[in-house]
Amino acid sequence: MKILAFSDLHCDHRRAANLVTLSAEADLVLGAGDFASCHRGLKSTIAALAAIETPTVIVPGNNETESALRAAAAGWEAATVLQASSVTLDGVEIFGLGAGIPTTPWDWSFDIEEPEAARLLAACPNQALLVLHSPPFGHVDCSTAGAHLGSKAILEAIERTAPRLAVCGHIHESWHTKSMIGETPVYNLGPDGTWLEL
C-alpha cells in the first residue's frame, strides 16, 4: 500500500494543492492534524484538500477541534475523521487520535491531558496504523532547545500495541524525522507530503 502522509498545513493552500496532485498516485492519504491556524482558516483549507478522491484519514490537530474538523470535512466524500476511534480500509485497521498531548502553553489550543489520552488510547488495537497529531515522548519530538515535547501516553500505547506504522506532526522542529519504537517506525511528517509503504 502506497501512503501519502502530511501534517501541519496551517492554511497553506499552495501545499494543499500539491497534496491533491500527489494523492492521485496514492492508495491512502493520512492527514495528521493542524489544517487551521489558531482555529482560523479551517474551512478553506479543508475545501482545498477536498479534491482528494483517494481514501483519506484525518485527525484534528491542536489548531482545530474535533467538532470543527468534522463539520468542515462533512462534504469531503473520501475523508474519514478519527478521534480515539478506528476504521478499516483495504484490510488495514487505522486508529486516530488528534489534539495537543500533553497540554500546550496556549489557552486557545485543543489539548488533551496525559491521563485522558491514556484512557482514549486504551481502545487502540494491536498492530494498527496509528495516525496522531502529537508525537510519542522521546521520539521525533525535539524542540529547537533540544527538549522532548511528546506524549508519554502515546509512547506507552505504541510500546503496548506495536503499530505497523505511526505518523504524527505538531513539533515543527522535528518535521521530516523518523524514529523506531521496537519494530514500529514513527514519522513526524510536515506539510510537504511524505511517501510511505505499508
C-alpha atoms as a PDB file:
ATOM      1  CA  MET A   1       0.000   0.000   0.000  1.00  0.00           C
ATOM      2  CA  LYS A   2       1.401   3.376  -1.055  1.00  0.00           C
ATOM      3  CA  ILE A   3       0.654   6.082   1.512  1.00  0.00           C
ATOM      4  CA  LEU A   4       0.865   9.862   1.198  1.00  0.00           C
ATOM      5  CA  ALA A   5       1.038  11.402   4.690  1.00  0.00           C
ATOM      6  CA  PHE A   6       1.285  15.001   5.886  1.00  0.00           C
ATOM      7  CA  SER A   7       0.731  17.262   8.895  1.00  0.00           C
ATOM      8  CA  ASP A   8       0.610  20.919   9.896  1.00  0.00           C
ATOM      9  CA  LEU A   9      -0.647  22.593   6.739  1.00  0.00           C
ATOM     10  CA  HIS A  10      -1.681  25.665   8.756  1.00  0.00           C
ATOM     11  CA  CYS A  11      -3.783  27.130   5.935  1.00  0.00           C
ATOM     12  CA  ASP A  12      -1.120  26.723   3.245  1.00  0.00           C
ATOM     13  CA  HIS A  13      -3.266  26.362   0.129  1.00  0.00           C
ATOM     14  CA  ARG A  14      -0.281  26.042  -2.179  1.00  0.00           C
ATOM     15  CA  ARG A  15       0.883  22.957  -0.315  1.00  0.00           C
ATOM     16  CA  ALA A  16      -2.709  21.694  -0.194  1.00  0.00           C
ATOM     17  CA  ALA A  17      -2.924  21.910  -3.993  1.00  0.00           C
ATOM     18  CA  ASN A  18       0.334  19.979  -4.290  1.00  0.00           C
ATOM     19  CA  LEU A  19      -1.015  17.261  -1.980  1.00  0.00           C
ATOM     20  CA  VAL A  20      -4.111  16.979  -4.161  1.00  0.00           C
ATOM     21  CA  THR A  21      -1.883  16.373  -7.192  1.00  0.00           C
ATOM     22  CA  LEU A  22       0.308  13.847  -5.366  1.00  0.00           C
ATOM     23  CA  SER A  23      -2.698  11.967  -3.989  1.00  0.00           C
ATOM     24  CA  ALA A  24      -3.550  10.588  -7.424  1.00  0.00           C
ATOM     25  CA  GLU A  25      -0.563   8.228  -7.033  1.00  0.00           C
ATOM     26  CA  ALA A  26      -1.510   7.088  -3.501  1.00  0.00           C
ATOM     27  CA  ASP A  27      -3.637   4.221  -2.203  1.00  0.00           C
ATOM     28  CA  LEU A  28      -4.223   6.018   1.103  1.00  0.00           C
ATOM     29  CA  VAL A  29      -3.787   9.599   2.356  1.00  0.00           C
ATOM     30  CA  LEU A  30      -3.182  10.470   6.017  1.00  0.00           C
ATOM     31  CA  GLY A  31      -3.542  13.981   7.463  1.00  0.00           C
ATOM     32  CA  ALA A  32      -2.091  14.282  10.977  1.00  0.00           C
ATOM     33  CA  GLY A  33      -3.764  17.493  12.101  1.00  0.00           C
ATOM     34  CA  ASP A  34      -3.300  21.279  12.170  1.00  0.00           C
ATOM     35  CA  PHE A  35      -5.129  22.188   8.998  1.00  0.00           C
ATOM     36  CA  ALA A  36      -6.048  25.551  10.585  1.00  0.00           C
ATOM     37  CA  SER A  37      -4.025  28.238  12.361  1.00  0.00           C
ATOM     38  CA  CYS A  38      -5.353  29.118  15.822  1.00  0.00           C
ATOM     39  CA  HIS A  39      -8.833  27.923  14.754  1.00  0.00           C
ATOM     40  CA  ARG A  40      -8.845  30.176  11.676  1.00  0.00           C
ATOM     41  CA  GLY A  41      -8.893  29.117   8.034  1.00  0.00           C
ATOM     42  CA  LEU A  42     -10.056  25.540   8.613  1.00  0.00           C
ATOM     43  CA  LYS A  43     -12.959  25.511   6.161  1.00  0.00           C
ATOM     44  CA  SER A  44     -10.983  26.942   3.261  1.00  0.00           C
ATOM     45  CA  THR A  45      -8.036  24.600   3.867  1.00  0.00           C
ATOM     46  CA  ILE A  46     -10.252  21.511   4.022  1.00  0.00           C
ATOM     47  CA  ALA A  47     -12.083  22.755   0.921  1.00  0.00           C
ATOM     48  CA  ALA A  48      -8.720  22.936  -0.871  1.00  0.00           C
ATOM     49  CA  LEU A  49      -7.971  19.333   0.153  1.00  0.00           C
ATOM     50  CA  ALA A  50     -11.440  18.011  -0.647  1.00  0.00           C
ATOM     51  CA  ALA A  51     -10.473  17.430  -4.279  1.00  0.00           C
ATOM     52  CA  ILE A  52      -8.554  14.389  -2.982  1.00  0.00           C
ATOM     53  CA  GLU A  53     -10.506  11.326  -4.097  1.00  0.00           C
ATOM     54  CA  THR A  54      -8.142   8.727  -2.617  1.00  0.00           C
ATOM     55  CA  PRO A  55      -9.370   7.268   0.703  1.00  0.00           C
ATOM     56  CA  THR A  56      -8.153   9.693   3.359  1.00  0.00           C
ATOM     57  CA  VAL A  57      -7.955   9.578   7.161  1.00  0.00           C
ATOM     58  CA  ILE A  58      -7.557  12.814   9.122  1.00  0.00           C
ATOM     59  CA  VAL A  59      -7.295  13.708  12.800  1.00  0.00           C
ATOM     60  CA  PRO A  60      -7.624  17.111  14.475  1.00  0.00           C
ATOM     61  CA  GLY A  61      -4.519  18.983  15.497  1.00  0.00           C
ATOM     62  CA  ASN A  62      -4.320  21.418  18.376  1.00  0.00           C
ATOM     63  CA  ASN A  63      -5.261  24.266  15.995  1.00  0.00           C
ATOM     64  CA  GLU A  64      -8.783  22.922  15.345  1.00  0.00           C
ATOM     65  CA  THR A  65     -11.255  20.959  17.438  1.00  0.00           C
ATOM     66  CA  GLU A  66     -12.674  17.572  16.547  1.00  0.00           C
ATOM     67  CA  SER A  67     -16.173  19.006  16.051  1.00  0.00           C
ATOM     68  CA  ALA A  68     -14.921  21.807  13.802  1.00  0.00           C
ATOM     69  CA  LEU A  69     -12.935  19.347  11.692  1.00  0.00           C
ATOM     70  CA  ARG A  70     -15.931  17.037  11.324  1.00  0.00           C
ATOM     71  CA  ALA A  71     -18.096  19.958  10.235  1.00  0.00           C
ATOM     72  CA  ALA A  72     -15.513  21.263   7.756  1.00  0.00           C
ATOM     73  CA  ALA A  73     -14.946  17.802   6.243  1.00  0.00           C
ATOM     74  CA  ALA A  74     -18.636  16.865   6.007  1.00  0.00           C
ATOM     75  CA  GLY A  75     -18.672  17.333   2.224  1.00  0.00           C
ATOM     76  CA  TRP A  76     -15.352  15.577   1.567  1.00  0.00           C
ATOM     77  CA  GLU A  77     -16.529  12.155   0.477  1.00  0.00           C
ATOM     78  CA  ALA A  78     -13.120  10.438   0.567  1.00  0.00           C
ATOM     79  CA  ALA A  79     -12.266  11.589   4.102  1.00  0.00           C
ATOM     80  CA  THR A  80     -12.810   9.889   7.458  1.00  0.00           C
ATOM     81  CA  VAL A  81     -12.222  11.870  10.648  1.00  0.00           C
ATOM     82  CA  LEU A  82     -10.906   9.801  13.555  1.00  0.00           C
ATOM     83  CA  GLN A  83     -10.622  10.808  17.196  1.00  0.00           C
ATOM     84  CA  ALA A  84      -9.997   7.952  19.637  1.00  0.00           C
ATOM     85  CA  SER A  85     -11.582   5.670  17.065  1.00  0.00           C
ATOM     86  CA  SER A  86     -10.665   3.363  14.215  1.00  0.00           C
ATOM     87  CA  VAL A  87     -11.631   2.458  10.671  1.00  0.00           C
ATOM     88  CA  THR A  88     -10.619  -0.400   8.390  1.00  0.00           C
ATOM     89  CA  LEU A  89      -9.643   0.499   4.811  1.00  0.00           C
ATOM     90  CA  ASP A  90      -8.450  -2.133   2.333  1.00  0.00           C
ATOM     91  CA  GLY A  91      -7.990  -4.570   5.193  1.00  0.00           C
ATOM     92  CA  VAL A  92      -5.810  -2.171   7.215  1.00  0.00           C
ATOM     93  CA  GLU A  93      -7.071  -1.093  10.639  1.00  0.00           C
ATOM     94  CA  ILE A  94      -6.305   2.577  11.297  1.00  0.00           C
ATOM     95  CA  PHE A  95      -6.614   4.241  14.711  1.00  0.00           C
ATOM     96  CA  GLY A  96      -6.529   8.010  15.104  1.00  0.00           C
ATOM     97  CA  LEU A  97      -6.038  10.430  17.996  1.00  0.00           C
ATOM     98  CA  GLY A  98      -5.518  14.139  17.495  1.00  0.00           C
ATOM     99  CA  ALA A  99      -5.043  17.226  19.717  1.00  0.00           C
ATOM    100  CA  GLY A 100      -2.029  18.520  21.603  1.00  0.00           C
ATOM    101  CA  ILE A 101      -0.802  15.881  24.058  1.00  0.00           C
ATOM    102  CA  PRO A 102       0.413  16.775  26.652  1.00  0.00           C
ATOM    103  CA  THR A 103      -1.255  20.139  27.072  1.00  0.00           C
ATOM    104  CA  THR A 104       0.432  23.101  25.409  1.00  0.00           C
ATOM    105  CA  PRO A 105       1.095  26.566  26.898  1.00  0.00           C
ATOM    106  CA  TRP A 106      -1.555  28.215  24.707  1.00  0.00           C
ATOM    107  CA  ASP A 107      -5.045  28.887  26.043  1.00  0.00           C
ATOM    108  CA  TRP A 108      -6.573  28.622  22.555  1.00  0.00           C
ATOM    109  CA  SER A 109      -5.159  25.160  21.889  1.00  0.00           C
ATOM    110  CA  PHE A 110      -7.231  21.961  21.558  1.00  0.00           C
ATOM    111  CA  ASP A 111      -5.361  19.777  24.051  1.00  0.00           C
ATOM    112  CA  ILE A 112      -5.768  16.542  25.979  1.00  0.00           C
ATOM    113  CA  GLU A 113      -4.062  15.845  29.291  1.00  0.00           C
ATOM    114  CA  GLU A 114      -1.915  12.724  29.551  1.00  0.00           C
ATOM    115  CA  PRO A 115      -4.266  10.674  31.805  1.00  0.00           C
ATOM    116  CA  GLU A 116      -7.194  11.295  29.443  1.00  0.00           C
ATOM    117  CA  ALA A 117      -5.011  10.441  26.440  1.00  0.00           C
ATOM    118  CA  ALA A 118      -4.043   7.150  28.104  1.00  0.00           C
ATOM    119  CA  ARG A 119      -7.738   6.372  28.612  1.00  0.00           C
ATOM    120  CA  LEU A 120      -8.570   7.158  24.981  1.00  0.00           C
ATOM    121  CA  LEU A 121      -5.607   5.152  23.678  1.00  0.00           C
ATOM    122  CA  ALA A 122      -6.811   2.073  25.551  1.00  0.00           C
ATOM    123  CA  ALA A 123      -9.080   1.453  22.536  1.00  0.00           C
ATOM    124  CA  CYS A 124      -6.124   1.296  20.134  1.00  0.00           C
ATOM    125  CA  PRO A 125      -5.969  -2.182  18.560  1.00  0.00           C
ATOM    126  CA  ASN A 126      -2.765  -4.162  18.225  1.00  0.00           C
ATOM    127  CA  GLN A 127      -0.682  -3.682  15.056  1.00  0.00           C
ATOM    128  CA  ALA A 128      -2.881  -0.949  13.607  1.00  0.00           C
ATOM    129  CA  LEU A 129      -1.740   2.013  11.550  1.00  0.00           C
ATOM    130  CA  LEU A 130      -1.631   4.892  14.045  1.00  0.00           C
ATOM    131  CA  VAL A 131      -2.439   8.475  12.988  1.00  0.00           C
ATOM    132  CA  LEU A 132      -1.631  11.030  15.679  1.00  0.00           C
ATOM    133  CA  HIS A 133      -1.132  14.743  15.889  1.00  0.00           C
ATOM    134  CA  SER A 134       1.313  14.667  18.793  1.00  0.00           C
ATOM    135  CA  PRO A 135       4.479  12.560  18.795  1.00  0.00           C
ATOM    136  CA  PRO A 136       5.450   9.982  21.410  1.00  0.00           C
ATOM    137  CA  PHE A 137       7.781  11.205  24.150  1.00  0.00           C
ATOM    138  CA  GLY A 138      11.441  10.875  23.237  1.00  0.00           C
ATOM    139  CA  HIS A 139      10.843  10.273  19.530  1.00  0.00           C
ATOM    140  CA  VAL A 140      10.586  12.886  16.718  1.00  0.00           C
ATOM    141  CA  ASP A 141       9.581  15.412  19.401  1.00  0.00           C
ATOM    142  CA  CYS A 142      12.591  17.708  19.956  1.00  0.00           C
ATOM    143  CA  SER A 143      12.233  21.466  20.251  1.00  0.00           C
ATOM    144  CA  THR A 144      14.910  23.827  18.997  1.00  0.00           C
ATOM    145  CA  ALA A 145      16.331  23.802  22.534  1.00  0.00           C
ATOM    146  CA  GLY A 146      16.518  20.002  22.483  1.00  0.00           C
ATOM    147  CA  ALA A 147      13.633  19.425  24.909  1.00  0.00           C
ATOM    148  CA  HIS A 148      11.382  16.404  24.376  1.00  0.00           C
ATOM    149  CA  LEU A 149       7.792  17.644  23.981  1.00  0.00           C
ATOM    150  CA  GLY A 150       5.989  14.411  23.109  1.00  0.00           C
ATOM    151  CA  SER A 151       3.409  12.334  24.955  1.00  0.00           C
ATOM    152  CA  LYS A 152       4.244   9.566  27.422  1.00  0.00           C
ATOM    153  CA  ALA A 153       0.730   8.134  26.986  1.00  0.00           C
ATOM    154  CA  ILE A 154       1.318   7.822  23.233  1.00  0.00           C
ATOM    155  CA  LEU A 155       4.724   6.238  23.811  1.00  0.00           C
ATOM    156  CA  GLU A 156       3.191   3.672  26.167  1.00  0.00           C
ATOM    157  CA  ALA A 157       0.397   2.907  23.683  1.00  0.00           C
ATOM    158  CA  ILE A 158       2.898   2.294  20.883  1.00  0.00           C
ATOM    159  CA  GLU A 159       5.001   0.059  23.127  1.00  0.00           C
ATOM    160  CA  ARG A 160       1.874  -1.883  24.108  1.00  0.00           C
ATOM    161  CA  THR A 161       0.181  -2.271  20.723  1.00  0.00           C
ATOM    162  CA  ALA A 162       3.155  -2.397  18.315  1.00  0.00           C
ATOM    163  CA  PRO A 163       1.538  -0.456  15.429  1.00  0.00           C
ATOM    164  CA  ARG A 164       2.660  -1.307  11.914  1.00  0.00           C
ATOM    165  CA  LEU A 165       3.308   2.406  11.397  1.00  0.00           C
ATOM    166  CA  ALA A 166       2.787   5.610  13.411  1.00  0.00           C
ATOM    167  CA  VAL A 167       2.633   9.115  11.929  1.00  0.00           C
ATOM    168  CA  CYS A 168       2.409  12.482  13.651  1.00  0.00           C
ATOM    169  CA  GLY A 169       3.310  16.165  13.372  1.00  0.00           C
ATOM    170  CA  HIS A 170       2.870  19.013  15.895  1.00  0.00           C
ATOM    171  CA  ILE A 171       6.527  19.665  16.749  1.00  0.00           C
ATOM    172  CA  HIS A 172       7.634  21.652  13.711  1.00  0.00           C
ATOM    173  CA  GLU A 173      11.323  21.493  14.596  1.00  0.00           C
ATOM    174  CA  SER A 174      11.163  17.713  14.176  1.00  0.00           C
ATOM    175  CA  TRP A 175       9.419  17.633  10.782  1.00  0.00           C
ATOM    176  CA  HIS A 176      10.866  15.084   8.352  1.00  0.00           C
ATOM    177  CA  THR A 177      12.391  12.957  11.118  1.00  0.00           C
ATOM    178  CA  LYS A 178      11.953   9.237  11.770  1.00  0.00           C
ATOM    179  CA  SER A 179      12.448   7.041  14.812  1.00  0.00           C
ATOM    180  CA  MET A 180      11.787   3.437  15.812  1.00  0.00           C
ATOM    181  CA  ILE A 181       9.899   2.186  18.867  1.00  0.00           C
ATOM    182  CA  GLY A 182      10.535  -1.525  18.836  1.00  0.00           C
ATOM    183  CA  GLU A 183       9.500  -2.616  15.343  1.00  0.00           C
ATOM    184  CA  THR A 184       7.263   0.441  14.810  1.00  0.00           C
ATOM    185  CA  PRO A 185       8.534   3.214  12.510  1.00  0.00           C
ATOM    186  CA  VAL A 186       7.421   6.654  13.708  1.00  0.00           C
ATOM    187  CA  TYR A 187       7.426   9.662  11.363  1.00  0.00           C
ATOM    188  CA  ASN A 188       6.974  13.356  12.122  1.00  0.00           C
ATOM    189  CA  LEU A 189       5.642  14.409   8.749  1.00  0.00           C
ATOM    190  CA  GLY A 190       5.428  18.114   7.994  1.00  0.00           C
ATOM    191  CA  PRO A 191       3.277  19.732   5.289  1.00  0.00           C
ATOM    192  CA  ASP A 192       5.039  18.751   2.060  1.00  0.00           C
ATOM    193  CA  GLY A 193       3.842  15.145   1.887  1.00  0.00           C
ATOM    194  CA  THR A 194       5.821  12.048   2.860  1.00  0.00           C
ATOM    195  CA  TRP A 195       5.639   8.830   0.868  1.00  0.00           C
ATOM    196  CA  LEU A 196       5.406   5.650   2.946  1.00  0.00           C
ATOM    197  CA  GLU A 197       4.847   1.973   2.154  1.00  0.00           C
ATOM    198  CA  LEU A 198       2.828  -0.479   4.220  1.00  0.00           C
END
